[in-house]
Amino acid sequence: MKEGDVVMAVLAQADGRTKDRPVILLCQMPPFGDWLVCGVSTQLQREVPGFDELLSRTDPDFADSGLWHTSLIRLGYLETMSEGRLLGEVGAIAPARLLRLLTRLSQHISP
């Protein structure tokens, strides 16, 4: 697995149950190589304009993403997880999209 991959992962839901959901691998974290991931959702109404990113069926990298529907890449839904919680790769986003996401995230957390 590598940065920019779309993978299925076991995520906790609001009711405490778990569900297999897609996430984007943003980067590996020291010292153990856990992954910083962001959630992917079809709940487009939750978009935070200028922060989240819409991945539309008409985007050039949509087919490579492995997603079935227009989806929202939610930078506000971050989690660090071990590879053991990652169930497998379904696709990947374009390197330019990954760079946009990482840049947006770093600008948000930098003073």
PDB file of N, CA and C in Angstrom:
ATOM      1  N   MET A   1       0.844  -1.179   0.000  1.00  0.00           N
ATOM      2  CA  MET A   1       0.000   0.000   0.000  1.00  0.00           C
ATOM      3  C   MET A   1       0.889   1.241   0.000  1.00  0.00           C
ATOM      4  N   LYS A   2       0.334   2.288  -0.617  1.00  0.00           N
ATOM      5  CA  LYS A   2       1.124   3.518  -0.730  1.00  0.00           C
ATOM      6  C   LYS A   2       0.217   4.741  -0.584  1.00  0.00           C
ATOM      7  N   GLU A   3       0.859   5.892  -0.384  1.00  0.00           N
ATOM      8  CA  GLU A   3       0.120   7.141  -0.261  1.00  0.00           C
ATOM      9  C   GLU A   3      -0.764   7.358  -1.487  1.00  0.00           C
ATOM     10  N   GLY A   4      -1.977   7.812  -1.258  1.00  0.00           N
ATOM     11  CA  GLY A   4      -2.917   8.052  -2.343  1.00  0.00           C
ATOM     12  C   GLY A   4      -3.804   6.867  -2.658  1.00  0.00           C
ATOM     13  N   ASP A   5      -3.519   5.716  -2.065  1.00  0.00           N
ATOM     14  CA  ASP A   5      -4.383   4.554  -2.300  1.00  0.00           C
ATOM     15  C   ASP A   5      -5.724   4.745  -1.612  1.00  0.00           C
ATOM     16  N   VAL A   6      -6.763   4.227  -2.236  1.00  0.00           N
ATOM     17  CA  VAL A   6      -8.090   4.130  -1.630  1.00  0.00           C
ATOM     18  C   VAL A   6      -8.196   2.701  -1.122  1.00  0.00           C
ATOM     19  N   VAL A   7      -8.406   2.549   0.177  1.00  0.00           N
ATOM     20  CA  VAL A   7      -8.476   1.214   0.767  1.00  0.00           C
ATOM     21  C   VAL A   7      -9.733   1.102   1.617  1.00  0.00           C
ATOM     22  N   MET A   8     -10.150  -0.114   1.829  1.00  0.00           N
ATOM     23  CA  MET A   8     -11.247  -0.372   2.751  1.00  0.00           C
ATOM     24  C   MET A   8     -10.648  -0.551   4.136  1.00  0.00           C
ATOM     25  N   ALA A   9     -11.330   0.004   5.142  1.00  0.00           N
ATOM     26  CA  ALA A   9     -10.849  -0.065   6.516  1.00  0.00           C
ATOM     27  C   ALA A   9     -12.033  -0.260   7.460  1.00  0.00           C
ATOM     28  N   VAL A  10     -11.744  -0.803   8.621  1.00  0.00           N
ATOM     29  CA  VAL A  10     -12.746  -0.977   9.663  1.00  0.00           C
ATOM     30  C   VAL A  10     -12.822   0.330  10.445  1.00  0.00           C
ATOM     31  N   LEU A  11     -13.971   1.022  10.356  1.00  0.00           N
ATOM     32  CA  LEU A  11     -14.157   2.305  11.042  1.00  0.00           C
ATOM     33  C   LEU A  11     -15.291   2.215  12.051  1.00  0.00           C
ATOM     34  N   ALA A  12     -15.109   2.891  13.175  1.00  0.00           N
ATOM     35  CA  ALA A  12     -16.162   2.965  14.183  1.00  0.00           C
ATOM     36  C   ALA A  12     -17.244   3.932  13.713  1.00  0.00           C
ATOM     37  N   GLN A  13     -18.482   3.570  13.961  1.00  0.00           N
ATOM     38  CA  GLN A  13     -19.625   4.417  13.643  1.00  0.00           C
ATOM     39  C   GLN A  13     -20.071   5.157  14.904  1.00  0.00           C
ATOM     40  N   ALA A  14     -20.930   6.137  14.752  1.00  0.00           N
ATOM     41  CA  ALA A  14     -21.410   6.941  15.885  1.00  0.00           C
ATOM     42  C   ALA A  14     -22.097   6.078  16.946  1.00  0.00           C
ATOM     43  N   ASP A  15     -22.722   4.979  16.521  1.00  0.00           N
ATOM     44  CA  ASP A  15     -23.439   4.121  17.478  1.00  0.00           C
ATOM     45  C   ASP A  15     -22.521   3.083  18.137  1.00  0.00           C
ATOM     46  N   GLY A  16     -21.218   3.152  17.870  1.00  0.00           N
ATOM     47  CA  GLY A  16     -20.266   2.223  18.481  1.00  0.00           C
ATOM     48  C   GLY A  16     -19.982   0.976  17.661  1.00  0.00           C
ATOM     49  N   ARG A  17     -20.818   0.707  16.682  1.00  0.00           N
ATOM     50  CA  ARG A  17     -20.564  -0.444  15.812  1.00  0.00           C
ATOM     51  C   ARG A  17     -19.464  -0.107  14.825  1.00  0.00           C
ATOM     52  N   THR A  18     -18.957  -1.124  14.145  1.00  0.00           N
ATOM     53  CA  THR A  18     -17.943  -0.882  13.122  1.00  0.00           C
ATOM     54  C   THR A  18     -18.511  -1.211  11.749  1.00  0.00           C
ATOM     55  N   LYS A  19     -17.894  -0.601  10.754  1.00  0.00           N
ATOM     56  CA  LYS A  19     -18.346  -0.800   9.387  1.00  0.00           C
ATOM     57  C   LYS A  19     -17.139  -0.673   8.471  1.00  0.00           C
ATOM     58  N   ASP A  20     -17.101  -1.470   7.422  1.00  0.00           N
ATOM     59  CA  ASP A  20     -16.039  -1.364   6.428  1.00  0.00           C
ATOM     60  C   ASP A  20     -16.339  -0.166   5.536  1.00  0.00           C
ATOM     61  N   ARG A  21     -15.396   0.792   5.494  1.00  0.00           N
ATOM     62  CA  ARG A  21     -15.592   2.028   4.735  1.00  0.00           C
ATOM     63  C   ARG A  21     -14.318   2.363   3.974  1.00  0.00           C
ATOM     64  N   PRO A  22     -14.444   3.106   2.868  1.00  0.00           N
ATOM     65  CA  PRO A  22     -13.233   3.515   2.149  1.00  0.00           C
ATOM     66  C   PRO A  22     -12.546   4.691   2.846  1.00  0.00           C
ATOM     67  N   VAL A  23     -11.220   4.679   2.776  1.00  0.00           N
ATOM     68  CA  VAL A  23     -10.394   5.773   3.283  1.00  0.00           C
ATOM     69  C   VAL A  23      -9.283   6.023   2.272  1.00  0.00           C
ATOM     70  N   ILE A  24      -8.678   7.207   2.367  1.00  0.00           N
ATOM     71  CA  ILE A  24      -7.526   7.565   1.540  1.00  0.00           C
ATOM     72  C   ILE A  24      -6.287   7.509   2.433  1.00  0.00           C
ATOM     73  N   LEU A  25      -5.248   6.815   1.981  1.00  0.00           N
ATOM     74  CA  LEU A  25      -3.985   6.789   2.710  1.00  0.00           C
ATOM     75  C   LEU A  25      -3.248   8.093   2.429  1.00  0.00           C
ATOM     76  N   LEU A  26      -3.056   8.919   3.456  1.00  0.00           N
ATOM     77  CA  LEU A  26      -2.380  10.201   3.286  1.00  0.00           C
ATOM     78  C   LEU A  26      -0.876  10.068   3.457  1.00  0.00           C
ATOM     79  N   CYS A  27      -0.436   9.427   4.547  1.00  0.00           N
ATOM     80  CA  CYS A  27       0.998   9.233   4.779  1.00  0.00           C
ATOM     81  C   CYS A  27       1.201   8.242   5.919  1.00  0.00           C
ATOM     82  N   GLN A  28       2.391   7.648   5.948  1.00  0.00           N
ATOM     83  CA  GLN A  28       2.750   6.771   7.058  1.00  0.00           C
ATOM     84  C   GLN A  28       3.366   7.608   8.162  1.00  0.00           C
ATOM     85  N   MET A  29       3.067   7.243   9.388  1.00  0.00           N
ATOM     86  CA  MET A  29       3.492   8.007  10.553  1.00  0.00           C
ATOM     87  C   MET A  29       4.611   7.272  11.297  1.00  0.00           C
ATOM     88  N   PRO A  30       5.577   8.040  11.807  1.00  0.00           N
ATOM     89  CA  PRO A  30       6.612   7.413  12.610  1.00  0.00           C
ATOM     90  C   PRO A  30       6.060   7.084  14.000  1.00  0.00           C
ATOM     91  N   PRO A  31       6.628   6.190  14.743  1.00  0.00           N
ATOM     92  CA  PRO A  31       7.763   5.354  14.395  1.00  0.00           C
ATOM     93  C   PRO A  31       7.370   3.974  13.877  1.00  0.00           C
ATOM     94  N   PHE A  32       6.060   3.644  13.902  1.00  0.00           N
ATOM     95  CA  PHE A  32       5.656   2.268  13.611  1.00  0.00           C
ATOM     96  C   PHE A  32       5.059   2.059  12.224  1.00  0.00           C
ATOM     97  N   GLY A  33       4.956   3.114  11.442  1.00  0.00           N
ATOM     98  CA  GLY A  33       4.434   2.975  10.099  1.00  0.00           C
ATOM     99  C   GLY A  33       2.924   2.904  10.008  1.00  0.00           C
ATOM    100  N   ASP A  34       2.220   3.327  11.082  1.00  0.00           N
ATOM    101  CA  ASP A  34       0.762   3.412  10.989  1.00  0.00           C
ATOM    102  C   ASP A  34       0.415   4.456   9.932  1.00  0.00           C
ATOM    103  N   TRP A  35      -0.798   4.361   9.401  1.00  0.00           N
ATOM    104  CA  TRP A  35      -1.235   5.259   8.328  1.00  0.00           C
ATOM    105  C   TRP A  35      -2.137   6.363   8.864  1.00  0.00           C
ATOM    106  N   LEU A  36      -1.872   7.593   8.433  1.00  0.00           N
ATOM    107  CA  LEU A  36      -2.818   8.687   8.619  1.00  0.00           C
ATOM    108  C   LEU A  36      -3.777   8.605   7.448  1.00  0.00           C
ATOM    109  N   VAL A  37      -5.058   8.436   7.731  1.00  0.00           N
ATOM    110  CA  VAL A  37      -6.062   8.274   6.677  1.00  0.00           C
ATOM    111  C   VAL A  37      -7.142   9.325   6.838  1.00  0.00           C
ATOM    112  N   CYS A  38      -7.850   9.592   5.747  1.00  0.00           N
ATOM    113  CA  CYS A  38      -9.048  10.434   5.838  1.00  0.00           C
ATOM    114  C   CYS A  38     -10.216   9.656   5.257  1.00  0.00           C
ATOM    115  N   GLY A  39     -11.356   9.914   5.812  1.00  0.00           N
ATOM    116  CA  GLY A  39     -12.558   9.201   5.419  1.00  0.00           C
ATOM    117  C   GLY A  39     -13.105   9.651   4.080  1.00  0.00           C
ATOM    118  N   VAL A  40     -13.858   8.754   3.475  1.00  0.00           N
ATOM    119  CA  VAL A  40     -14.538   9.015   2.210  1.00  0.00           C
ATOM    120  C   VAL A  40     -16.024   8.747   2.447  1.00  0.00           C
ATOM    121  N   SER A  41     -16.863   9.640   1.970  1.00  0.00           N
ATOM    122  CA  SER A  41     -18.292   9.528   2.224  1.00  0.00           C
ATOM    123  C   SER A  41     -19.092   9.892   0.986  1.00  0.00           C
ATOM    124  N   THR A  42     -20.260   9.305   0.867  1.00  0.00           N
ATOM    125  CA  THR A  42     -21.185   9.715  -0.187  1.00  0.00           C
ATOM    126  C   THR A  42     -22.172  10.762   0.334  1.00  0.00           C
ATOM    127  N   GLN A  43     -22.020  11.160   1.588  1.00  0.00           N
ATOM    128  CA  GLN A  43     -22.870  12.188   2.194  1.00  0.00           C
ATOM    129  C   GLN A  43     -22.346  13.567   1.775  1.00  0.00           C
ATOM    130  N   LEU A  44     -22.623  13.943   0.526  1.00  0.00           N
ATOM    131  CA  LEU A  44     -22.059  15.145  -0.071  1.00  0.00           C
ATOM    132  C   LEU A  44     -22.468  16.424   0.647  1.00  0.00           C
ATOM    133  N   GLN A  45     -23.592  16.395   1.338  1.00  0.00           N
ATOM    134  CA  GLN A  45     -24.064  17.582   2.050  1.00  0.00           C
ATOM    135  C   GLN A  45     -23.165  17.928   3.237  1.00  0.00           C
ATOM    136  N   ARG A  46     -22.263  17.054   3.621  1.00  0.00           N
ATOM    137  CA  ARG A  46     -21.349  17.313   4.742  1.00  0.00           C
ATOM    138  C   ARG A  46     -20.079  18.043   4.310  1.00  0.00           C
ATOM    139  N   GLU A  47     -19.992  18.399   3.042  1.00  0.00           N
ATOM    140  CA  GLU A  47     -18.779  19.037   2.525  1.00  0.00           C
ATOM    141  C   GLU A  47     -18.462  20.337   3.270  1.00  0.00           C
ATOM    142  N   VAL A  48     -17.201  20.478   3.614  1.00  0.00           N
ATOM    143  CA  VAL A  48     -16.683  21.738   4.145  1.00  0.00           C
ATOM    144  C   VAL A  48     -15.987  22.418   2.972  1.00  0.00           C
ATOM    145  N   PRO A  49     -16.630  23.417   2.356  1.00  0.00           N
ATOM    146  CA  PRO A  49     -16.075  24.065   1.166  1.00  0.00           C
ATOM    147  C   PRO A  49     -14.676  24.618   1.426  1.00  0.00           C
ATOM    148  N   GLY A  50     -13.788  24.384   0.472  1.00  0.00           N
ATOM    149  CA  GLY A  50     -12.417  24.857   0.580  1.00  0.00           C
ATOM    150  C   GLY A  50     -11.529  23.975   1.428  1.00  0.00           C
ATOM    151  N   PHE A  51     -12.098  22.939   2.041  1.00  0.00           N
ATOM    152  CA  PHE A  51     -11.311  22.036   2.886  1.00  0.00           C
ATOM    153  C   PHE A  51     -11.451  20.600   2.389  1.00  0.00           C
ATOM    154  N   ASP A  52     -12.661  20.075   2.367  1.00  0.00           N
ATOM    155  CA  ASP A  52     -12.904  18.743   1.818  1.00  0.00           C
ATOM    156  C   ASP A  52     -12.763  18.779   0.304  1.00  0.00           C
ATOM    157  N   GLU A  53     -12.742  17.610  -0.306  1.00  0.00           N
ATOM    158  CA  GLU A  53     -12.605  17.549  -1.761  1.00  0.00           C
ATOM    159  C   GLU A  53     -13.619  16.569  -2.331  1.00  0.00           C
ATOM    160  N   LEU A  54     -14.325  17.023  -3.346  1.00  0.00           N
ATOM    161  CA  LEU A  54     -15.306  16.201  -4.037  1.00  0.00           C
ATOM    162  C   LEU A  54     -14.610  15.404  -5.137  1.00  0.00           C
ATOM    163  N   LEU A  55     -14.860  14.120  -5.164  1.00  0.00           N
ATOM    164  CA  LEU A  55     -14.358  13.246  -6.227  1.00  0.00           C
ATOM    165  C   LEU A  55     -15.572  12.823  -7.038  1.00  0.00           C
ATOM    166  N   SER A  56     -15.729  13.447  -8.188  1.00  0.00           N
ATOM    167  CA  SER A  56     -16.911  13.275  -9.024  1.00  0.00           C
ATOM    168  C   SER A  56     -16.680  12.206 -10.088  1.00  0.00           C
ATOM    169  N   ARG A  57     -17.757  11.595 -10.522  1.00  0.00           N
ATOM    170  CA  ARG A  57     -17.680  10.563 -11.571  1.00  0.00           C
ATOM    171  C   ARG A  57     -17.087  11.105 -12.863  1.00  0.00           C
ATOM    172  N   THR A  58     -17.108  12.417 -13.048  1.00  0.00           N
ATOM    173  CA  THR A  58     -16.556  13.010 -14.266  1.00  0.00           C
ATOM    174  C   THR A  58     -15.076  13.376 -14.129  1.00  0.00           C
ATOM    175  N   ASP A  59     -14.508  13.230 -12.938  1.00  0.00           N
ATOM    176  CA  ASP A  59     -13.085  13.536 -12.733  1.00  0.00           C
ATOM    177  C   ASP A  59     -12.214  12.465 -13.390  1.00  0.00           C
ATOM    178  N   PRO A  60     -11.066  12.873 -13.964  1.00  0.00           N
ATOM    179  CA  PRO A  60     -10.202  11.921 -14.659  1.00  0.00           C
ATOM    180  C   PRO A  60      -9.726  10.747 -13.794  1.00  0.00           C
ATOM    181  N   ASP A  61      -9.564  10.963 -12.485  1.00  0.00           N
ATOM    182  CA  ASP A  61      -9.070   9.875 -11.632  1.00  0.00           C
ATOM    183  C   ASP A  61     -10.188   9.094 -10.942  1.00  0.00           C
ATOM    184  N   PHE A  62     -11.452   9.388 -11.268  1.00  0.00           N
ATOM    185  CA  PHE A  62     -12.551   8.669 -10.601  1.00  0.00           C
ATOM    186  C   PHE A  62     -12.498   7.168 -10.887  1.00  0.00           C
ATOM    187  N   ALA A  63     -12.337   6.784 -12.124  1.00  0.00           N
ATOM    188  CA  ALA A  63     -12.336   5.352 -12.472  1.00  0.00           C
ATOM    189  C   ALA A  63     -11.223   4.608 -11.743  1.00  0.00           C
ATOM    190  N   ASP A  64     -10.061   5.240 -11.587  1.00  0.00           N
ATOM    191  CA  ASP A  64      -8.944   4.601 -10.906  1.00  0.00           C
ATOM    192  C   ASP A  64      -9.139   4.521  -9.394  1.00  0.00           C
ATOM    193  N   SER A  65     -10.067   5.321  -8.857  1.00  0.00           N
ATOM    194  CA  SER A  65     -10.278   5.351  -7.406  1.00  0.00           C
ATOM    195  C   SER A  65     -10.915   4.062  -6.882  1.00  0.00           C
ATOM    196  N   GLY A  66     -11.645   3.365  -7.731  1.00  0.00           N
ATOM    197  CA  GLY A  66     -12.347   2.164  -7.287  1.00  0.00           C
ATOM    198  C   GLY A  66     -13.653   2.461  -6.577  1.00  0.00           C
ATOM    199  N   LEU A  67     -13.998   3.724  -6.457  1.00  0.00           N
ATOM    200  CA  LEU A  67     -15.256   4.095  -5.807  1.00  0.00           C
ATOM    201  C   LEU A  67     -16.404   3.938  -6.802  1.00  0.00           C
ATOM    202  N   TRP A  68     -17.608   3.744  -6.286  1.00  0.00           N
ATOM    203  CA  TRP A  68     -18.765   3.509  -7.144  1.00  0.00           C
ATOM    204  C   TRP A  68     -19.596   4.756  -7.367  1.00  0.00           C
ATOM    205  N   HIS A  69     -19.503   5.701  -6.452  1.00  0.00           N
ATOM    206  CA  HIS A  69     -20.354   6.896  -6.501  1.00  0.00           C
ATOM    207  C   HIS A  69     -19.510   8.152  -6.301  1.00  0.00           C
ATOM    208  N   THR A  70     -20.028   9.279  -6.765  1.00  0.00           N
ATOM    209  CA  THR A  70     -19.408  10.554  -6.432  1.00  0.00           C
ATOM    210  C   THR A  70     -19.252  10.589  -4.918  1.00  0.00           C
ATOM    211  N   SER A  71     -18.067  10.979  -4.460  1.00  0.00           N
ATOM    212  CA  SER A  71     -17.757  10.877  -3.030  1.00  0.00           C
ATOM    213  C   SER A  71     -17.054  12.126  -2.526  1.00  0.00           C
ATOM    214  N   LEU A  72     -17.131  12.305  -1.231  1.00  0.00           N
ATOM    215  CA  LEU A  72     -16.504  13.414  -0.552  1.00  0.00           C
ATOM    216  C   LEU A  72     -15.299  12.895   0.228  1.00  0.00           C
ATOM    217  N   ILE A  73     -14.126  13.453  -0.070  1.00  0.00           N
ATOM    218  CA  ILE A  73     -12.922  13.133   0.695  1.00  0.00           C
ATOM    219  C   ILE A  73     -12.905  14.115   1.855  1.00  0.00           C
ATOM    220  N   ARG A  74     -13.071  13.601   3.071  1.00  0.00           N
ATOM    221  CA  ARG A  74     -13.298  14.434   4.256  1.00  0.00           C
ATOM    222  C   ARG A  74     -12.017  14.625   5.060  1.00  0.00           C
ATOM    223  N   LEU A  75     -11.336  15.736   4.833  1.00  0.00           N
ATOM    224  CA  LEU A  75     -10.102  16.020   5.569  1.00  0.00           C
ATOM    225  C   LEU A  75     -10.348  16.219   7.061  1.00  0.00           C
ATOM    226  N   GLY A  76     -11.566  16.512   7.450  1.00  0.00           N
ATOM    227  CA  GLY A  76     -11.896  16.656   8.859  1.00  0.00           C
ATOM    228  C   GLY A  76     -12.125  15.328   9.555  1.00  0.00           C
ATOM    229  N   TYR A  77     -12.138  14.241   8.796  1.00  0.00           N
ATOM    230  CA  TYR A  77     -12.317  12.905   9.371  1.00  0.00           C
ATOM    231  C   TYR A  77     -10.991  12.172   9.228  1.00  0.00           C
ATOM    232  N   LEU A  78     -10.092  12.421  10.173  1.00  0.00           N
ATOM    233  CA  LEU A  78      -8.764  11.830  10.155  1.00  0.00           C
ATOM    234  C   LEU A  78      -8.651  10.768  11.229  1.00  0.00           C
ATOM    235  N   GLU A  79      -7.834   9.763  10.935  1.00  0.00           N
ATOM    236  CA  GLU A  79      -7.557   8.715  11.913  1.00  0.00           C
ATOM    237  C   GLU A  79      -6.199   8.117  11.579  1.00  0.00           C
ATOM    238  N   THR A  80      -5.510   7.667  12.603  1.00  0.00           N
ATOM    239  CA  THR A  80      -4.278   6.926  12.407  1.00  0.00           C
ATOM    240  C   THR A  80      -4.601   5.468  12.680  1.00  0.00           C
ATOM    241  N   MET A  81      -4.239   4.600  11.741  1.00  0.00           N
ATOM    242  CA  MET A  81      -4.563   3.185  11.916  1.00  0.00           C
ATOM    243  C   MET A  81      -3.428   2.287  11.455  1.00  0.00           C
ATOM    244  N   SER A  82      -3.343   1.160  12.121  1.00  0.00           N
ATOM    245  CA  SER A  82      -2.339   0.164  11.760  1.00  0.00           C
ATOM    246  C   SER A  82      -2.772  -0.546  10.486  1.00  0.00           C
ATOM    247  N   GLU A  83      -1.795  -1.136   9.809  1.00  0.00           N
ATOM    248  CA  GLU A  83      -2.123  -1.867   8.576  1.00  0.00           C
ATOM    249  C   GLU A  83      -3.094  -3.006   8.828  1.00  0.00           C
ATOM    250  N   GLY A  84      -3.131  -3.518  10.057  1.00  0.00           N
ATOM    251  CA  GLY A  84      -4.043  -4.606  10.390  1.00  0.00           C
ATOM    252  C   GLY A  84      -5.502  -4.229  10.264  1.00  0.00           C
ATOM    253  N   ARG A  85      -5.811  -2.938  10.335  1.00  0.00           N
ATOM    254  CA  ARG A  85      -7.197  -2.467  10.185  1.00  0.00           C
ATOM    255  C   ARG A  85      -7.547  -2.141   8.742  1.00  0.00           C
ATOM    256  N   LEU A  86      -6.554  -2.216   7.864  1.00  0.00           N
ATOM    257  CA  LEU A  86      -6.787  -1.936   6.450  1.00  0.00           C
ATOM    258  C   LEU A  86      -7.081  -3.260   5.753  1.00  0.00           C
ATOM    259  N   LEU A  87      -8.202  -3.304   5.057  1.00  0.00           N
ATOM    260  CA  LEU A  87      -8.693  -4.568   4.509  1.00  0.00           C
ATOM    261  C   LEU A  87      -8.269  -4.830   3.077  1.00  0.00           C
ATOM    262  N   GLY A  88      -7.773  -3.829   2.399  1.00  0.00           N
ATOM    263  CA  GLY A  88      -7.333  -4.043   1.029  1.00  0.00           C
ATOM    264  C   GLY A  88      -7.569  -2.829   0.161  1.00  0.00           C
ATOM    265  N   GLU A  89      -6.732  -2.721  -0.841  1.00  0.00           N
ATOM    266  CA  GLU A  89      -6.777  -1.601  -1.773  1.00  0.00           C
ATOM    267  C   GLU A  89      -7.898  -1.798  -2.787  1.00  0.00           C
ATOM    268  N   VAL A  90      -8.599  -0.688  -3.084  1.00  0.00           N
ATOM    269  CA  VAL A  90      -9.627  -0.735  -4.127  1.00  0.00           C
ATOM    270  C   VAL A  90      -9.281   0.167  -5.301  1.00  0.00           C
ATOM    271  N   GLY A  91      -8.318   1.074  -5.101  1.00  0.00           N
ATOM    272  CA  GLY A  91      -7.940   1.990  -6.171  1.00  0.00           C
ATOM    273  C   GLY A  91      -6.974   3.029  -5.659  1.00  0.00           C
ATOM    274  N   ALA A  92      -6.904   4.148  -6.371  1.00  0.00           N
ATOM    275  CA  ALA A  92      -6.007   5.239  -5.977  1.00  0.00           C
ATOM    276  C   ALA A  92      -6.511   6.543  -6.565  1.00  0.00           C
ATOM    277  N   ILE A  93      -6.177   7.626  -5.892  1.00  0.00           N
ATOM    278  CA  ILE A  93      -6.464   8.953  -6.428  1.00  0.00           C
ATOM    279  C   ILE A  93      -5.218   9.441  -7.163  1.00  0.00           C
ATOM    280  N   ALA A  94      -5.390  10.462  -7.977  1.00  0.00           N
ATOM    281  CA  ALA A  94      -4.276  11.027  -8.731  1.00  0.00           C
ATOM    282  C   ALA A  94      -3.266  11.678  -7.788  1.00  0.00           C
ATOM    283  N   PRO A  95      -1.975  11.611  -8.127  1.00  0.00           N
ATOM    284  CA  PRO A  95      -0.958  12.263  -7.300  1.00  0.00           C
ATOM    285  C   PRO A  95      -1.239  13.760  -7.086  1.00  0.00           C
ATOM    286  N   ALA A  96      -1.760  14.450  -8.088  1.00  0.00           N
ATOM    287  CA  ALA A  96      -2.067  15.874  -7.938  1.00  0.00           C
ATOM    288  C   ALA A  96      -3.164  16.088  -6.892  1.00  0.00           C
ATOM    289  N   ARG A  97      -4.137  15.205  -6.832  1.00  0.00           N
ATOM    290  CA  ARG A  97      -5.214  15.321  -5.834  1.00  0.00           C
ATOM    291  C   ARG A  97      -4.642  15.068  -4.438  1.00  0.00           C
ATOM    292  N   LEU A  98      -3.785  14.052  -4.307  1.00  0.00           N
ATOM    293  CA  LEU A  98      -3.160  13.782  -3.016  1.00  0.00           C
ATOM    294  C   LEU A  98      -2.361  14.993  -2.547  1.00  0.00           C
ATOM    295  N   LEU A  99      -1.605  15.594  -3.436  1.00  0.00           N
ATOM    296  CA  LEU A  99      -0.816  16.771  -3.085  1.00  0.00           C
ATOM    297  C   LEU A  99      -1.717  17.920  -2.627  1.00  0.00           C
ATOM    298  N   ARG A 100      -2.851  18.121  -3.306  1.00  0.00           N
ATOM    299  CA  ARG A 100      -3.810  19.163  -2.890  1.00  0.00           C
ATOM    300  C   ARG A 100      -4.317  18.897  -1.475  1.00  0.00           C
ATOM    301  N   LEU A 101      -4.658  17.643  -1.209  1.00  0.00           N
ATOM    302  CA  LEU A 101      -5.174  17.284   0.110  1.00  0.00           C
ATOM    303  C   LEU A 101      -4.127  17.523   1.198  1.00  0.00           C
ATOM    304  N   LEU A 102      -2.901  17.073   0.955  1.00  0.00           N
ATOM    305  CA  LEU A 102      -1.834  17.234   1.945  1.00  0.00           C
ATOM    306  C   LEU A 102      -1.507  18.711   2.159  1.00  0.00           C
ATOM    307  N   THR A 103      -1.503  19.477   1.083  1.00  0.00           N
ATOM    308  CA  THR A 103      -1.225  20.911   1.183  1.00  0.00           C
ATOM    309  C   THR A 103      -2.311  21.600   1.994  1.00  0.00           C
ATOM    310  N   ARG A 104      -3.559  21.295   1.688  1.00  0.00           N
ATOM    311  CA  ARG A 104      -4.690  21.891   2.407  1.00  0.00           C
ATOM    312  C   ARG A 104      -4.630  21.555   3.897  1.00  0.00           C
ATOM    313  N   LEU A 105      -4.329  20.296   4.191  1.00  0.00           N
ATOM    314  CA  LEU A 105      -4.254  19.859   5.581  1.00  0.00           C
ATOM    315  C   LEU A 105      -3.110  20.554   6.301  1.00  0.00           C
ATOM    316  N   SER A 106      -1.941  20.617   5.669  1.00  0.00           N
ATOM    317  CA  SER A 106      -0.794  21.249   6.333  1.00  0.00           C
ATOM    318  C   SER A 106      -1.021  22.749   6.531  1.00  0.00           C
ATOM    319  N   GLN A 107      -1.670  23.406   5.575  1.00  0.00           N
ATOM    320  CA  GLN A 107      -1.980  24.828   5.737  1.00  0.00           C
ATOM    321  C   GLN A 107      -2.952  25.055   6.887  1.00  0.00           C
ATOM    322  N   HIS A 108      -3.854  24.106   7.075  1.00  0.00           N
ATOM    323  CA  HIS A 108      -4.841  24.239   8.146  1.00  0.00           C
ATOM    324  C   HIS A 108      -4.197  24.101   9.524  1.00  0.00           C
ATOM    325  N   ILE A 109      -3.232  23.213   9.666  1.00  0.00           N
ATOM    326  CA  ILE A 109      -2.661  22.963  10.995  1.00  0.00           C
ATOM    327  C   ILE A 109      -1.428  23.813  11.278  1.00  0.00           C
ATOM    328  N   SER A 110      -0.893  24.501  10.276  1.00  0.00           N
ATOM    329  CA  SER A 110       0.266  25.368  10.492  1.00  0.00           C
ATOM    330  C   SER A 110      -0.201  26.736  10.976  1.00  0.00           C
ATOM    331  N   PRO A 111       0.535  27.307  11.928  1.00  0.00           N
ATOM    332  CA  PRO A 111       0.135  28.634  12.435  1.00  0.00           C
ATOM    333  C   PRO A 111       0.351  29.725  11.392  1.00  0.00           C
TER     334      PRO A 111
END
